[in-house]
Amino acid sequence: MSNRMLNNVSRQVVKQAARNATYGGRHTVTLIPGDGIGPEMFQQVRHVVDVMGVPINFEEVNVTGSGGLEEAMNSISRNQVCLKGNVVTEWPNNKSRNLMLRHDLDLYANVVHAKSFSSIETRHQDIDIVCIRENTEGEYSAMSHETIPGVVEALKVCTRANTERIAEYAFEYATKWGRKKVTCVHKANIMKKGDGLFRKVCAEVAERYPNIEYNDIIVDNCTMQLVSKPHQFDVMVMPNLYGNIISNMLCGLVGGPGLVSGGNFNQNLAVFEQGTRNAGRKIAGKNLANPTAYLTATSKMMRHLGMTEEAQKLRTAVEAVVNEDKVMTADIGGNAKTSDFMVALEKRLRA
């Protein structure tokens, strides 16, 4: 079976998984509040779901920097869909629960869509870029050791199989959503073996999609080009570490971490979260947080569950609160509170 045929089968599996996650006509979704502003933001998400009358039940699982991961993974495997806040790593005593969840569930594709809000003043307007990040290997393979005191070796892993599947994911995404171009981001001029393989495989996959323009760019030049001429980019695909950096840069270009959501996917599972994986601990409990990223993540979750109309209604309402009502929290230059945003949003949803 060809890789494209496998992708088509995978999409059918995802659709079947979403249907299997319903009980009595309602969807059960795993909810991981996380740390910082996560718990209060998901209180708002629950309220929005109630206001909209969307048939979703949440199975809440608390994951901390030191525990709860196994229960969360069991829940996600059972429900196939999850909304997640960021879990702060209790470093250096414990490994990142965020990384372990993605790795152990093989959530190999991280997708962050950064799109400008017309009412928010940024250096560049009309940005619309998708960052697709390989989520399971590279520098995030978590294989390091101290050979002798003061000398640490860390392995960066790149495999043909995992590169091919993330490249295919990027081209399938571009095809599905009418995107015109895919750019591979790498450092193959220095990391000739690992990033060289990533670049080579992406180019091979590109040949199967002649209707999609393809190019590649070295990561350091990419960061310069993003801050100077971002409109040259459309869909970007890259190894893990570069994806972490580039996706955060994209969030900054459109206004900050409170605006952009993301998702982590494999053939069967979908975990939706903020684009920057930022817990926002400094503003937790102060009614200051921008709920936009959590709400757009919820919209994406609804769309994934087949609730296209409800998803679009929520997304449109959120954008209208920012762009038309101009209810802006401090992170995007305003003085509105979280509660002000939610009052305006509920008014939009009930209209």
C-alpha atoms as a PDB file:
ATOM      1  CA  MET A   1       0.000   0.000   0.000  1.00  0.00           C
ATOM      2  CA  SER A   2       1.369   3.453  -0.932  1.00  0.00           C
ATOM      3  CA  ASN A   3       2.046   6.119   1.700  1.00  0.00           C
ATOM      4  CA  ARG A   4      -0.752   8.294   0.292  1.00  0.00           C
ATOM      5  CA  MET A   5      -3.167   5.373   0.548  1.00  0.00           C
ATOM      6  CA  LEU A   6      -2.007   4.850   4.124  1.00  0.00           C
ATOM      7  CA  ASN A   7      -2.749   8.522   4.840  1.00  0.00           C
ATOM      8  CA  ASN A   8      -6.245   8.139   3.414  1.00  0.00           C
ATOM      9  CA  VAL A   9      -6.788   5.100   5.604  1.00  0.00           C
ATOM     10  CA  SER A  10      -5.491   7.053   8.583  1.00  0.00           C
ATOM     11  CA  ARG A  11      -8.023   9.828   8.015  1.00  0.00           C
ATOM     12  CA  GLN A  12     -10.794   7.250   7.939  1.00  0.00           C
ATOM     13  CA  VAL A  13      -9.459   5.789  11.186  1.00  0.00           C
ATOM     14  CA  VAL A  14      -9.581   9.242  12.798  1.00  0.00           C
ATOM     15  CA  LYS A  15     -13.173   9.725  11.647  1.00  0.00           C
ATOM     16  CA  GLN A  16     -14.108   6.318  12.993  1.00  0.00           C
ATOM     17  CA  ALA A  17     -12.326   7.091  16.269  1.00  0.00           C
ATOM     18  CA  ALA A  18     -14.354  10.272  16.669  1.00  0.00           C
ATOM     19  CA  ARG A  19     -17.551   8.309  16.140  1.00  0.00           C
ATOM     20  CA  ASN A  20     -16.428   5.654  18.599  1.00  0.00           C
ATOM     21  CA  ALA A  21     -15.851   8.298  21.282  1.00  0.00           C
ATOM     22  CA  THR A  22     -19.560   9.119  21.496  1.00  0.00           C
ATOM     23  CA  TYR A  23     -21.837   7.813  24.198  1.00  0.00           C
ATOM     24  CA  GLY A  24     -25.562   8.415  23.991  1.00  0.00           C
ATOM     25  CA  GLY A  25     -25.028  10.950  21.219  1.00  0.00           C
ATOM     26  CA  ARG A  26     -22.456  12.898  23.260  1.00  0.00           C
ATOM     27  CA  HIS A  27     -18.684  13.071  22.862  1.00  0.00           C
ATOM     28  CA  THR A  28     -16.416  12.418  25.826  1.00  0.00           C
ATOM     29  CA  VAL A  29     -13.252  14.501  25.715  1.00  0.00           C
ATOM     30  CA  THR A  30     -10.269  14.224  28.049  1.00  0.00           C
ATOM     31  CA  LEU A  31      -9.539  17.523  29.798  1.00  0.00           C
ATOM     32  CA  ILE A  32      -6.108  18.201  31.322  1.00  0.00           C
ATOM     33  CA  PRO A  33      -6.268  21.648  32.995  1.00  0.00           C
ATOM     34  CA  GLY A  34      -2.511  21.887  33.550  1.00  0.00           C
ATOM     35  CA  ASP A  35      -0.875  24.607  35.626  1.00  0.00           C
ATOM     36  CA  GLY A  36      -0.973  28.403  35.780  1.00  0.00           C
ATOM     37  CA  ILE A  37      -3.973  29.876  33.980  1.00  0.00           C
ATOM     38  CA  GLY A  38      -5.074  26.497  32.620  1.00  0.00           C
ATOM     39  CA  PRO A  39      -7.692  25.630  35.256  1.00  0.00           C
ATOM     40  CA  GLU A  40      -9.423  29.034  35.079  1.00  0.00           C
ATOM     41  CA  MET A  41      -9.318  29.072  31.271  1.00  0.00           C
ATOM     42  CA  PHE A  42     -10.959  25.673  31.070  1.00  0.00           C
ATOM     43  CA  GLN A  43     -13.684  26.858  33.422  1.00  0.00           C
ATOM     44  CA  GLN A  44     -14.476  29.380  30.707  1.00  0.00           C
ATOM     45  CA  VAL A  45     -14.313  26.665  28.040  1.00  0.00           C
ATOM     46  CA  ARG A  46     -16.817  24.562  29.998  1.00  0.00           C
ATOM     47  CA  HIS A  47     -19.130  27.562  30.220  1.00  0.00           C
ATOM     48  CA  VAL A  48     -18.898  28.180  26.472  1.00  0.00           C
ATOM     49  CA  VAL A  49     -19.735  24.541  25.743  1.00  0.00           C
ATOM     50  CA  ASP A  50     -22.801  24.849  27.980  1.00  0.00           C
ATOM     51  CA  VAL A  51     -23.889  28.137  26.391  1.00  0.00           C
ATOM     52  CA  MET A  52     -23.597  26.638  22.920  1.00  0.00           C
ATOM     53  CA  GLY A  53     -25.359  23.441  23.934  1.00  0.00           C
ATOM     54  CA  VAL A  54     -22.627  21.345  22.328  1.00  0.00           C
ATOM     55  CA  PRO A  55     -22.923  17.605  23.143  1.00  0.00           C
ATOM     56  CA  ILE A  56     -19.557  17.239  24.880  1.00  0.00           C
ATOM     57  CA  ASN A  57     -18.746  15.732  28.263  1.00  0.00           C
ATOM     58  CA  PHE A  58     -15.333  16.330  29.805  1.00  0.00           C
ATOM     59  CA  GLU A  59     -13.370  13.668  31.633  1.00  0.00           C
ATOM     60  CA  GLU A  60     -10.988  15.743  33.736  1.00  0.00           C
ATOM     61  CA  VAL A  61      -7.571  14.329  34.601  1.00  0.00           C
ATOM     62  CA  ASN A  62      -5.084  16.259  36.693  1.00  0.00           C
ATOM     63  CA  VAL A  63      -1.484  15.914  35.557  1.00  0.00           C
ATOM     64  CA  THR A  64       1.263  17.479  37.654  1.00  0.00           C
ATOM     65  CA  GLY A  65       4.994  17.762  37.148  1.00  0.00           C
ATOM     66  CA  SER A  66       5.403  14.516  39.044  1.00  0.00           C
ATOM     67  CA  GLY A  67       2.291  12.407  38.487  1.00  0.00           C
ATOM     68  CA  GLY A  68      -0.995  11.628  36.779  1.00  0.00           C
ATOM     69  CA  LEU A  69       0.500  10.863  33.379  1.00  0.00           C
ATOM     70  CA  GLU A  70      -0.566   7.234  33.115  1.00  0.00           C
ATOM     71  CA  GLU A  71      -4.184   8.053  33.950  1.00  0.00           C
ATOM     72  CA  ALA A  72      -4.120  10.853  31.369  1.00  0.00           C
ATOM     73  CA  MET A  73      -2.724   8.633  28.625  1.00  0.00           C
ATOM     74  CA  ASN A  74      -5.300   5.945  29.367  1.00  0.00           C
ATOM     75  CA  SER A  75      -8.058   8.543  29.159  1.00  0.00           C
ATOM     76  CA  ILE A  76      -6.773  10.005  25.882  1.00  0.00           C
ATOM     77  CA  SER A  77      -6.394   6.535  24.368  1.00  0.00           C
ATOM     78  CA  ARG A  78      -9.975   5.745  25.349  1.00  0.00           C
ATOM     79  CA  ASN A  79     -11.567   9.040  24.247  1.00  0.00           C
ATOM     80  CA  GLN A  80      -9.235   9.794  21.302  1.00  0.00           C
ATOM     81  CA  VAL A  81      -9.628  13.563  21.801  1.00  0.00           C
ATOM     82  CA  CYS A  82      -8.168  15.853  24.469  1.00  0.00           C
ATOM     83  CA  LEU A  83      -8.041  19.525  25.476  1.00  0.00           C
ATOM     84  CA  LYS A  84      -4.872  20.278  27.407  1.00  0.00           C
ATOM     85  CA  GLY A  85      -3.237  23.071  29.359  1.00  0.00           C
ATOM     86  CA  ASN A  86       0.503  23.270  29.874  1.00  0.00           C
ATOM     87  CA  VAL A  87       1.983  21.171  32.683  1.00  0.00           C
ATOM     88  CA  VAL A  88       4.988  22.847  34.302  1.00  0.00           C
ATOM     89  CA  THR A  89       8.003  20.547  34.510  1.00  0.00           C
ATOM     90  CA  GLU A  90       9.432  20.092  38.009  1.00  0.00           C
ATOM     91  CA  TRP A  91      12.971  20.295  36.671  1.00  0.00           C
ATOM     92  CA  PRO A  92      15.527  18.767  37.235  1.00  0.00           C
ATOM     93  CA  ASN A  93      13.850  16.111  39.358  1.00  0.00           C
ATOM     94  CA  ASN A  94      11.279  14.988  36.777  1.00  0.00           C
ATOM     95  CA  LYS A  95      11.007  14.674  33.009  1.00  0.00           C
ATOM     96  CA  SER A  96       8.602  16.909  31.124  1.00  0.00           C
ATOM     97  CA  ARG A  97       5.095  15.438  31.317  1.00  0.00           C
ATOM     98  CA  ASN A  98       4.225  17.317  28.116  1.00  0.00           C
ATOM     99  CA  LEU A  99       7.077  15.642  26.233  1.00  0.00           C
ATOM    100  CA  MET A 100       6.394  12.214  27.725  1.00  0.00           C
ATOM    101  CA  LEU A 101       2.724  12.372  26.756  1.00  0.00           C
ATOM    102  CA  ARG A 102       3.529  13.280  23.152  1.00  0.00           C
ATOM    103  CA  HIS A 103       6.275  10.688  22.920  1.00  0.00           C
ATOM    104  CA  ASP A 104       4.513   7.776  24.614  1.00  0.00           C
ATOM    105  CA  LEU A 105       1.287   8.297  22.642  1.00  0.00           C
ATOM    106  CA  ASP A 106       3.311   8.824  19.430  1.00  0.00           C
ATOM    107  CA  LEU A 107       1.613  12.172  18.746  1.00  0.00           C
ATOM    108  CA  TYR A 108       4.062  12.749  15.942  1.00  0.00           C
ATOM    109  CA  ALA A 109       2.608  15.895  14.346  1.00  0.00           C
ATOM    110  CA  ASN A 110       2.362  19.246  16.092  1.00  0.00           C
ATOM    111  CA  VAL A 111       0.423  21.863  14.109  1.00  0.00           C
ATOM    112  CA  VAL A 112       0.363  25.570  14.991  1.00  0.00           C
ATOM    113  CA  HIS A 113      -1.596  27.965  12.758  1.00  0.00           C
ATOM    114  CA  ALA A 114      -0.568  31.589  13.254  1.00  0.00           C
ATOM    115  CA  LYS A 115      -3.006  34.052  11.688  1.00  0.00           C
ATOM    116  CA  SER A 116      -3.143  37.821  12.172  1.00  0.00           C
ATOM    117  CA  PHE A 117      -6.024  39.596  13.924  1.00  0.00           C
ATOM    118  CA  SER A 118      -6.879  42.731  11.962  1.00  0.00           C
ATOM    119  CA  SER A 119      -7.351  44.908  15.056  1.00  0.00           C
ATOM    120  CA  ILE A 120      -4.035  44.042  16.711  1.00  0.00           C
ATOM    121  CA  GLU A 121      -1.117  46.243  15.736  1.00  0.00           C
ATOM    122  CA  THR A 122       1.947  44.190  14.862  1.00  0.00           C
ATOM    123  CA  ARG A 123       4.926  44.838  12.633  1.00  0.00           C
ATOM    124  CA  HIS A 124       3.464  42.634   9.885  1.00  0.00           C
ATOM    125  CA  GLN A 125      -0.206  42.290   8.993  1.00  0.00           C
ATOM    126  CA  ASP A 126      -2.071  39.515   7.161  1.00  0.00           C
ATOM    127  CA  ILE A 127       0.185  36.720   8.351  1.00  0.00           C
ATOM    128  CA  ASP A 128      -1.242  33.249   7.746  1.00  0.00           C
ATOM    129  CA  ILE A 129       1.397  30.570   8.362  1.00  0.00           C
ATOM    130  CA  VAL A 130       1.158  26.943   9.493  1.00  0.00           C
ATOM    131  CA  CYS A 131       4.067  25.393  11.387  1.00  0.00           C
ATOM    132  CA  ILE A 132       4.166  21.579  11.308  1.00  0.00           C
ATOM    133  CA  ARG A 133       6.662  20.114  13.734  1.00  0.00           C
ATOM    134  CA  GLU A 134       7.940  16.547  14.035  1.00  0.00           C
ATOM    135  CA  ASN A 135       7.044  15.794  17.610  1.00  0.00           C
ATOM    136  CA  THR A 136       8.824  12.602  18.694  1.00  0.00           C
ATOM    137  CA  GLU A 137      12.527  12.659  17.868  1.00  0.00           C
ATOM    138  CA  GLY A 138      15.343  15.098  17.046  1.00  0.00           C
ATOM    139  CA  GLU A 139      16.858  16.765  20.115  1.00  0.00           C
ATOM    140  CA  TYR A 140      13.657  15.851  21.983  1.00  0.00           C
ATOM    141  CA  SER A 141      14.521  12.155  21.841  1.00  0.00           C
ATOM    142  CA  ALA A 142      15.494  12.593  25.522  1.00  0.00           C
ATOM    143  CA  MET A 143      18.556  10.413  25.208  1.00  0.00           C
ATOM    144  CA  SER A 144      21.462  12.005  27.019  1.00  0.00           C
ATOM    145  CA  HIS A 145      24.093  10.928  29.513  1.00  0.00           C
ATOM    146  CA  GLU A 146      27.083  12.264  31.385  1.00  0.00           C
ATOM    147  CA  THR A 147      30.097  10.272  30.176  1.00  0.00           C
ATOM    148  CA  ILE A 148      32.405  11.716  32.823  1.00  0.00           C
ATOM    149  CA  PRO A 149      31.704  14.516  35.309  1.00  0.00           C
ATOM    150  CA  GLY A 150      31.255  17.742  33.370  1.00  0.00           C
ATOM    151  CA  VAL A 151      30.857  16.108  29.949  1.00  0.00           C
ATOM    152  CA  VAL A 152      27.342  15.457  28.628  1.00  0.00           C
ATOM    153  CA  GLU A 153      26.444  13.745  25.378  1.00  0.00           C
ATOM    154  CA  ALA A 154      22.952  14.131  23.894  1.00  0.00           C
ATOM    155  CA  LEU A 155      21.703  12.143  20.912  1.00  0.00           C
ATOM    156  CA  LYS A 156      19.739  13.809  18.137  1.00  0.00           C
ATOM    157  CA  VAL A 157      17.753  11.099  16.370  1.00  0.00           C
ATOM    158  CA  CYS A 158      16.376  11.394  12.835  1.00  0.00           C
ATOM    159  CA  THR A 159      14.796   8.435  11.043  1.00  0.00           C
ATOM    160  CA  ARG A 160      13.612   8.088   7.472  1.00  0.00           C
ATOM    161  CA  ALA A 161      10.282   6.601   8.556  1.00  0.00           C
ATOM    162  CA  ASN A 162       9.352   9.407  10.939  1.00  0.00           C
ATOM    163  CA  THR A 163      10.597  12.107   8.586  1.00  0.00           C
ATOM    164  CA  GLU A 164       8.560  10.662   5.741  1.00  0.00           C
ATOM    165  CA  ARG A 165       5.363  10.573   7.767  1.00  0.00           C
ATOM    166  CA  ILE A 166       5.717  14.183   8.973  1.00  0.00           C
ATOM    167  CA  ALA A 167       6.553  15.361   5.443  1.00  0.00           C
ATOM    168  CA  GLU A 168       3.506  13.526   4.087  1.00  0.00           C
ATOM    169  CA  TYR A 169       1.419  15.066   6.850  1.00  0.00           C
ATOM    170  CA  ALA A 170       2.563  18.538   5.778  1.00  0.00           C
ATOM    171  CA  PHE A 171       1.764  17.969   2.098  1.00  0.00           C
ATOM    172  CA  GLU A 172      -1.571  16.328   2.880  1.00  0.00           C
ATOM    173  CA  TYR A 173      -2.416  19.295   5.125  1.00  0.00           C
ATOM    174  CA  ALA A 174      -1.500  21.721   2.330  1.00  0.00           C
ATOM    175  CA  THR A 175      -3.626  19.765  -0.130  1.00  0.00           C
ATOM    176  CA  LYS A 176      -6.631  19.534   2.189  1.00  0.00           C
ATOM    177  CA  TRP A 177      -6.669  23.219   3.117  1.00  0.00           C
ATOM    178  CA  GLY A 178      -5.810  24.667  -0.281  1.00  0.00           C
ATOM    179  CA  ARG A 179      -2.305  25.785   0.630  1.00  0.00           C
ATOM    180  CA  LYS A 180       0.155  26.542  -2.155  1.00  0.00           C
ATOM    181  CA  LYS A 181       3.609  25.978  -0.713  1.00  0.00           C
ATOM    182  CA  VAL A 182       5.547  23.790   1.747  1.00  0.00           C
ATOM    183  CA  THR A 183       8.939  24.868   3.124  1.00  0.00           C
ATOM    184  CA  CYS A 184      11.315  22.458   4.850  1.00  0.00           C
ATOM    185  CA  VAL A 185      13.361  24.084   7.636  1.00  0.00           C
ATOM    186  CA  HIS A 186      16.694  22.445   8.485  1.00  0.00           C
ATOM    187  CA  LYS A 187      20.366  22.884   9.358  1.00  0.00           C
ATOM    188  CA  ALA A 188      21.750  20.381   6.861  1.00  0.00           C
ATOM    189  CA  ASN A 189      24.739  22.576   6.047  1.00  0.00           C
ATOM    190  CA  ILE A 190      26.184  21.690   9.460  1.00  0.00           C
ATOM    191  CA  MET A 191      24.219  18.626  10.635  1.00  0.00           C
ATOM    192  CA  LYS A 192      24.836  16.843   7.361  1.00  0.00           C
ATOM    193  CA  LYS A 193      23.654  13.407   8.434  1.00  0.00           C
ATOM    194  CA  GLY A 194      20.588  14.050  10.614  1.00  0.00           C
ATOM    195  CA  ASP A 195      19.190  17.209   9.058  1.00  0.00           C
ATOM    196  CA  GLY A 196      20.597  16.068   5.734  1.00  0.00           C
ATOM    197  CA  LEU A 197      18.305  13.035   5.899  1.00  0.00           C
ATOM    198  CA  PHE A 198      15.338  15.204   6.931  1.00  0.00           C
ATOM    199  CA  ARG A 199      15.920  17.542   3.983  1.00  0.00           C
ATOM    200  CA  LYS A 200      16.435  14.685   1.520  1.00  0.00           C
ATOM    201  CA  VAL A 201      13.276  12.828   2.536  1.00  0.00           C
ATOM    202  CA  CYS A 202      11.141  15.996   2.447  1.00  0.00           C
ATOM    203  CA  ALA A 203      12.357  16.640  -1.105  1.00  0.00           C
ATOM    204  CA  GLU A 204      11.494  13.071  -2.098  1.00  0.00           C
ATOM    205  CA  VAL A 205       7.987  13.395  -0.679  1.00  0.00           C
ATOM    206  CA  ALA A 206       7.544  16.746  -2.450  1.00  0.00           C
ATOM    207  CA  GLU A 207       7.914  14.987  -5.807  1.00  0.00           C
ATOM    208  CA  ARG A 208       4.634  13.142  -5.117  1.00  0.00           C
ATOM    209  CA  TYR A 209       2.779  16.462  -4.835  1.00  0.00           C
ATOM    210  CA  PRO A 210       3.549  18.356  -8.061  1.00  0.00           C
ATOM    211  CA  ASN A 211       0.733  20.846  -7.454  1.00  0.00           C
ATOM    212  CA  ILE A 212       2.363  22.105  -4.237  1.00  0.00           C
ATOM    213  CA  GLU A 213       5.369  24.426  -4.521  1.00  0.00           C
ATOM    214  CA  TYR A 214       8.309  23.222  -2.440  1.00  0.00           C
ATOM    215  CA  ASN A 215      11.530  24.758  -1.163  1.00  0.00           C
ATOM    216  CA  ASP A 216      13.844  24.442   1.825  1.00  0.00           C
ATOM    217  CA  ILE A 217      15.645  26.946   4.018  1.00  0.00           C
ATOM    218  CA  ILE A 218      18.361  26.858   6.687  1.00  0.00           C
ATOM    219  CA  VAL A 219      16.866  27.532  10.113  1.00  0.00           C
ATOM    220  CA  ASP A 220      18.966  30.586  11.004  1.00  0.00           C
ATOM    221  CA  ASN A 221      18.101  32.277   7.712  1.00  0.00           C
ATOM    222  CA  CYS A 222      14.492  31.223   8.291  1.00  0.00           C
ATOM    223  CA  THR A 223      14.273  33.145  11.562  1.00  0.00           C
ATOM    224  CA  MET A 224      15.652  36.267   9.884  1.00  0.00           C
ATOM    225  CA  GLN A 225      13.245  35.922   6.969  1.00  0.00           C
ATOM    226  CA  LEU A 226      10.288  35.426   9.320  1.00  0.00           C
ATOM    227  CA  VAL A 227      10.843  38.701  11.134  1.00  0.00           C
ATOM    228  CA  SER A 228      11.571  40.635   7.923  1.00  0.00           C
ATOM    229  CA  LYS A 229       9.464  39.023   5.151  1.00  0.00           C
ATOM    230  CA  PRO A 230       7.075  36.493   6.718  1.00  0.00           C
ATOM    231  CA  HIS A 231       4.592  36.470   3.835  1.00  0.00           C
ATOM    232  CA  GLN A 232       6.894  34.258   1.767  1.00  0.00           C
ATOM    233  CA  PHE A 233       5.937  31.316   4.014  1.00  0.00           C
ATOM    234  CA  ASP A 234       2.784  29.220   3.881  1.00  0.00           C
ATOM    235  CA  VAL A 235       3.160  25.717   5.372  1.00  0.00           C
ATOM    236  CA  MET A 236       6.449  24.982   7.126  1.00  0.00           C
ATOM    237  CA  VAL A 237       7.686  21.518   8.152  1.00  0.00           C
ATOM    238  CA  MET A 238      10.670  20.928  10.408  1.00  0.00           C
ATOM    239  CA  PRO A 239      12.350  18.784  13.081  1.00  0.00           C
ATOM    240  CA  ASN A 240      11.359  19.055  16.717  1.00  0.00           C
ATOM    241  CA  LEU A 241      13.673  21.697  18.174  1.00  0.00           C
ATOM    242  CA  TYR A 242      13.310  24.108  15.254  1.00  0.00           C
ATOM    243  CA  GLY A 243       9.550  23.672  15.467  1.00  0.00           C
ATOM    244  CA  ASN A 244       9.567  24.697  19.110  1.00  0.00           C
ATOM    245  CA  ILE A 245      11.447  27.888  18.277  1.00  0.00           C
ATOM    246  CA  ILE A 246       9.652  28.781  15.033  1.00  0.00           C
ATOM    247  CA  SER A 247       6.141  28.189  16.420  1.00  0.00           C
ATOM    248  CA  ASN A 248       6.858  30.522  19.338  1.00  0.00           C
ATOM    249  CA  MET A 249       8.246  33.119  16.938  1.00  0.00           C
ATOM    250  CA  LEU A 250       5.092  32.877  14.830  1.00  0.00           C
ATOM    251  CA  CYS A 251       2.936  33.443  17.905  1.00  0.00           C
ATOM    252  CA  GLY A 252       4.970  36.561  18.666  1.00  0.00           C
ATOM    253  CA  LEU A 253       4.584  37.841  15.107  1.00  0.00           C
ATOM    254  CA  VAL A 254       0.779  37.828  15.314  1.00  0.00           C
ATOM    255  CA  GLY A 255       0.517  39.286  18.819  1.00  0.00           C
ATOM    256  CA  GLY A 256       1.610  36.828  21.472  1.00  0.00           C
ATOM    257  CA  PRO A 257       0.977  33.493  23.201  1.00  0.00           C
ATOM    258  CA  GLY A 258      -2.582  34.292  24.233  1.00  0.00           C
ATOM    259  CA  LEU A 259      -3.827  34.268  20.642  1.00  0.00           C
ATOM    260  CA  VAL A 260      -2.621  31.064  18.992  1.00  0.00           C
ATOM    261  CA  SER A 261      -3.643  27.460  19.525  1.00  0.00           C
ATOM    262  CA  GLY A 262      -2.137  24.215  18.347  1.00  0.00           C
ATOM    263  CA  GLY A 263      -2.709  20.502  18.210  1.00  0.00           C
ATOM    264  CA  ASN A 264      -0.816  17.217  18.416  1.00  0.00           C
ATOM    265  CA  PHE A 265      -1.922  14.347  16.214  1.00  0.00           C
ATOM    266  CA  ASN A 266      -1.404  10.803  15.064  1.00  0.00           C
ATOM    267  CA  GLN A 267      -3.638   8.459  13.086  1.00  0.00           C
ATOM    268  CA  ASN A 268      -6.038   7.980  16.000  1.00  0.00           C
ATOM    269  CA  LEU A 269      -5.550  10.691  18.606  1.00  0.00           C
ATOM    270  CA  ALA A 270      -5.825  14.480  18.764  1.00  0.00           C
ATOM    271  CA  VAL A 271      -4.662  16.689  21.665  1.00  0.00           C
ATOM    272  CA  PHE A 272      -5.472  20.406  21.359  1.00  0.00           C
ATOM    273  CA  GLU A 273      -3.629  23.074  23.361  1.00  0.00           C
ATOM    274  CA  GLN A 274      -2.042  26.532  23.263  1.00  0.00           C
ATOM    275  CA  GLY A 275       0.430  27.202  20.489  1.00  0.00           C
ATOM    276  CA  THR A 276       3.267  28.159  22.840  1.00  0.00           C
ATOM    277  CA  ARG A 277       2.752  25.705  25.710  1.00  0.00           C
ATOM    278  CA  ASN A 278       2.998  28.596  28.154  1.00  0.00           C
ATOM    279  CA  ALA A 279       1.414  28.098  31.588  1.00  0.00           C
ATOM    280  CA  GLY A 280       1.112  31.818  32.413  1.00  0.00           C
ATOM    281  CA  ARG A 281       1.780  31.281  36.121  1.00  0.00           C
ATOM    282  CA  LYS A 282       2.498  34.974  36.805  1.00  0.00           C
ATOM    283  CA  ILE A 283      -1.063  36.012  35.936  1.00  0.00           C
ATOM    284  CA  ALA A 284      -2.903  32.966  37.238  1.00  0.00           C
ATOM    285  CA  GLY A 285      -5.969  33.773  39.329  1.00  0.00           C
ATOM    286  CA  LYS A 286      -5.873  37.509  38.529  1.00  0.00           C
ATOM    287  CA  ASN A 287      -8.613  37.673  35.868  1.00  0.00           C
ATOM    288  CA  LEU A 288      -5.983  38.932  33.399  1.00  0.00           C
ATOM    289  CA  ALA A 289      -5.454  36.023  31.011  1.00  0.00           C
ATOM    290  CA  ASN A 290      -6.402  36.164  27.368  1.00  0.00           C
ATOM    291  CA  PRO A 291      -8.707  33.175  26.703  1.00  0.00           C
ATOM    292  CA  THR A 292      -8.421  33.370  22.900  1.00  0.00           C
ATOM    293  CA  ALA A 293      -5.933  30.515  22.457  1.00  0.00           C
ATOM    294  CA  TYR A 294      -7.964  28.172  24.666  1.00  0.00           C
ATOM    295  CA  LEU A 295     -11.177  29.068  22.847  1.00  0.00           C
ATOM    296  CA  THR A 296      -9.710  28.610  19.362  1.00  0.00           C
ATOM    297  CA  ALA A 297      -8.280  25.272  20.518  1.00  0.00           C
ATOM    298  CA  THR A 298     -11.830  24.358  21.546  1.00  0.00           C
ATOM    299  CA  SER A 299     -13.091  25.414  18.126  1.00  0.00           C
ATOM    300  CA  LYS A 300     -10.519  23.180  16.446  1.00  0.00           C
ATOM    301  CA  MET A 301     -11.550  20.325  18.714  1.00  0.00           C
ATOM    302  CA  MET A 302     -15.193  20.787  17.700  1.00  0.00           C
ATOM    303  CA  ARG A 303     -14.240  20.746  14.037  1.00  0.00           C
ATOM    304  CA  HIS A 304     -12.225  17.576  14.600  1.00  0.00           C
ATOM    305  CA  LEU A 305     -15.306  15.964  16.171  1.00  0.00           C
ATOM    306  CA  GLY A 306     -17.357  16.799  13.091  1.00  0.00           C
ATOM    307  CA  MET A 307     -19.147  19.813  14.598  1.00  0.00           C
ATOM    308  CA  THR A 308     -18.170  22.094  11.723  1.00  0.00           C
ATOM    309  CA  GLU A 309     -20.968  24.631  12.153  1.00  0.00           C
ATOM    310  CA  GLU A 310     -20.448  24.973  15.908  1.00  0.00           C
ATOM    311  CA  ALA A 311     -16.688  25.243  15.459  1.00  0.00           C
ATOM    312  CA  GLN A 312     -17.044  28.055  12.933  1.00  0.00           C
ATOM    313  CA  LYS A 313     -19.575  29.856  15.124  1.00  0.00           C
ATOM    314  CA  LEU A 314     -17.181  29.856  18.060  1.00  0.00           C
ATOM    315  CA  ARG A 315     -14.178  30.903  15.964  1.00  0.00           C
ATOM    316  CA  THR A 316     -16.150  33.728  14.322  1.00  0.00           C
ATOM    317  CA  ALA A 317     -17.416  34.952  17.711  1.00  0.00           C
ATOM    318  CA  VAL A 318     -13.910  34.973  19.200  1.00  0.00           C
ATOM    319  CA  GLU A 319     -12.522  36.918  16.249  1.00  0.00           C
ATOM    320  CA  ALA A 320     -15.408  39.384  16.419  1.00  0.00           C
ATOM    321  CA  VAL A 321     -14.773  40.070  20.118  1.00  0.00           C
ATOM    322  CA  VAL A 322     -11.166  40.969  19.313  1.00  0.00           C
ATOM    323  CA  ASN A 323     -11.510  42.607  15.894  1.00  0.00           C
ATOM    324  CA  GLU A 324     -14.913  44.319  16.098  1.00  0.00           C
ATOM    325  CA  ASP A 325     -15.708  44.736  19.804  1.00  0.00           C
ATOM    326  CA  LYS A 326     -12.013  45.392  20.499  1.00  0.00           C
ATOM    327  CA  VAL A 327     -12.158  43.725  23.896  1.00  0.00           C
ATOM    328  CA  MET A 328      -8.439  43.336  24.465  1.00  0.00           C
ATOM    329  CA  THR A 329      -6.567  42.014  27.468  1.00  0.00           C
ATOM    330  CA  ALA A 330      -3.263  43.489  28.609  1.00  0.00           C
ATOM    331  CA  ASP A 331      -1.118  41.113  26.568  1.00  0.00           C
ATOM    332  CA  ILE A 332      -2.425  42.625  23.320  1.00  0.00           C
ATOM    333  CA  GLY A 333      -2.409  46.257  24.415  1.00  0.00           C
ATOM    334  CA  GLY A 334      -5.765  46.605  26.157  1.00  0.00           C
ATOM    335  CA  ASN A 335      -7.034  46.792  29.715  1.00  0.00           C
ATOM    336  CA  ALA A 336      -9.933  44.323  29.570  1.00  0.00           C
ATOM    337  CA  LYS A 337     -10.208  41.479  32.039  1.00  0.00           C
ATOM    338  CA  THR A 338     -10.823  37.832  31.219  1.00  0.00           C
ATOM    339  CA  SER A 339     -14.370  38.276  32.479  1.00  0.00           C
ATOM    340  CA  ASP A 340     -14.919  41.235  30.107  1.00  0.00           C
ATOM    341  CA  PHE A 341     -13.878  39.081  27.171  1.00  0.00           C
ATOM    342  CA  MET A 342     -16.187  36.256  28.210  1.00  0.00           C
ATOM    343  CA  VAL A 343     -19.186  38.581  28.660  1.00  0.00           C
ATOM    344  CA  ALA A 344     -18.657  39.935  25.140  1.00  0.00           C
ATOM    345  CA  LEU A 345     -18.209  36.417  23.764  1.00  0.00           C
ATOM    346  CA  GLU A 346     -21.368  35.082  25.381  1.00  0.00           C
ATOM    347  CA  LYS A 347     -23.315  37.998  23.946  1.00  0.00           C
ATOM    348  CA  ARG A 348     -22.015  37.101  20.500  1.00  0.00           C
ATOM    349  CA  LEU A 349     -22.814  33.404  20.921  1.00  0.00           C
ATOM    350  CA  ARG A 350     -26.378  34.081  22.107  1.00  0.00           C
ATOM    351  CA  ALA A 351     -27.128  36.597  19.335  1.00  0.00           C
END
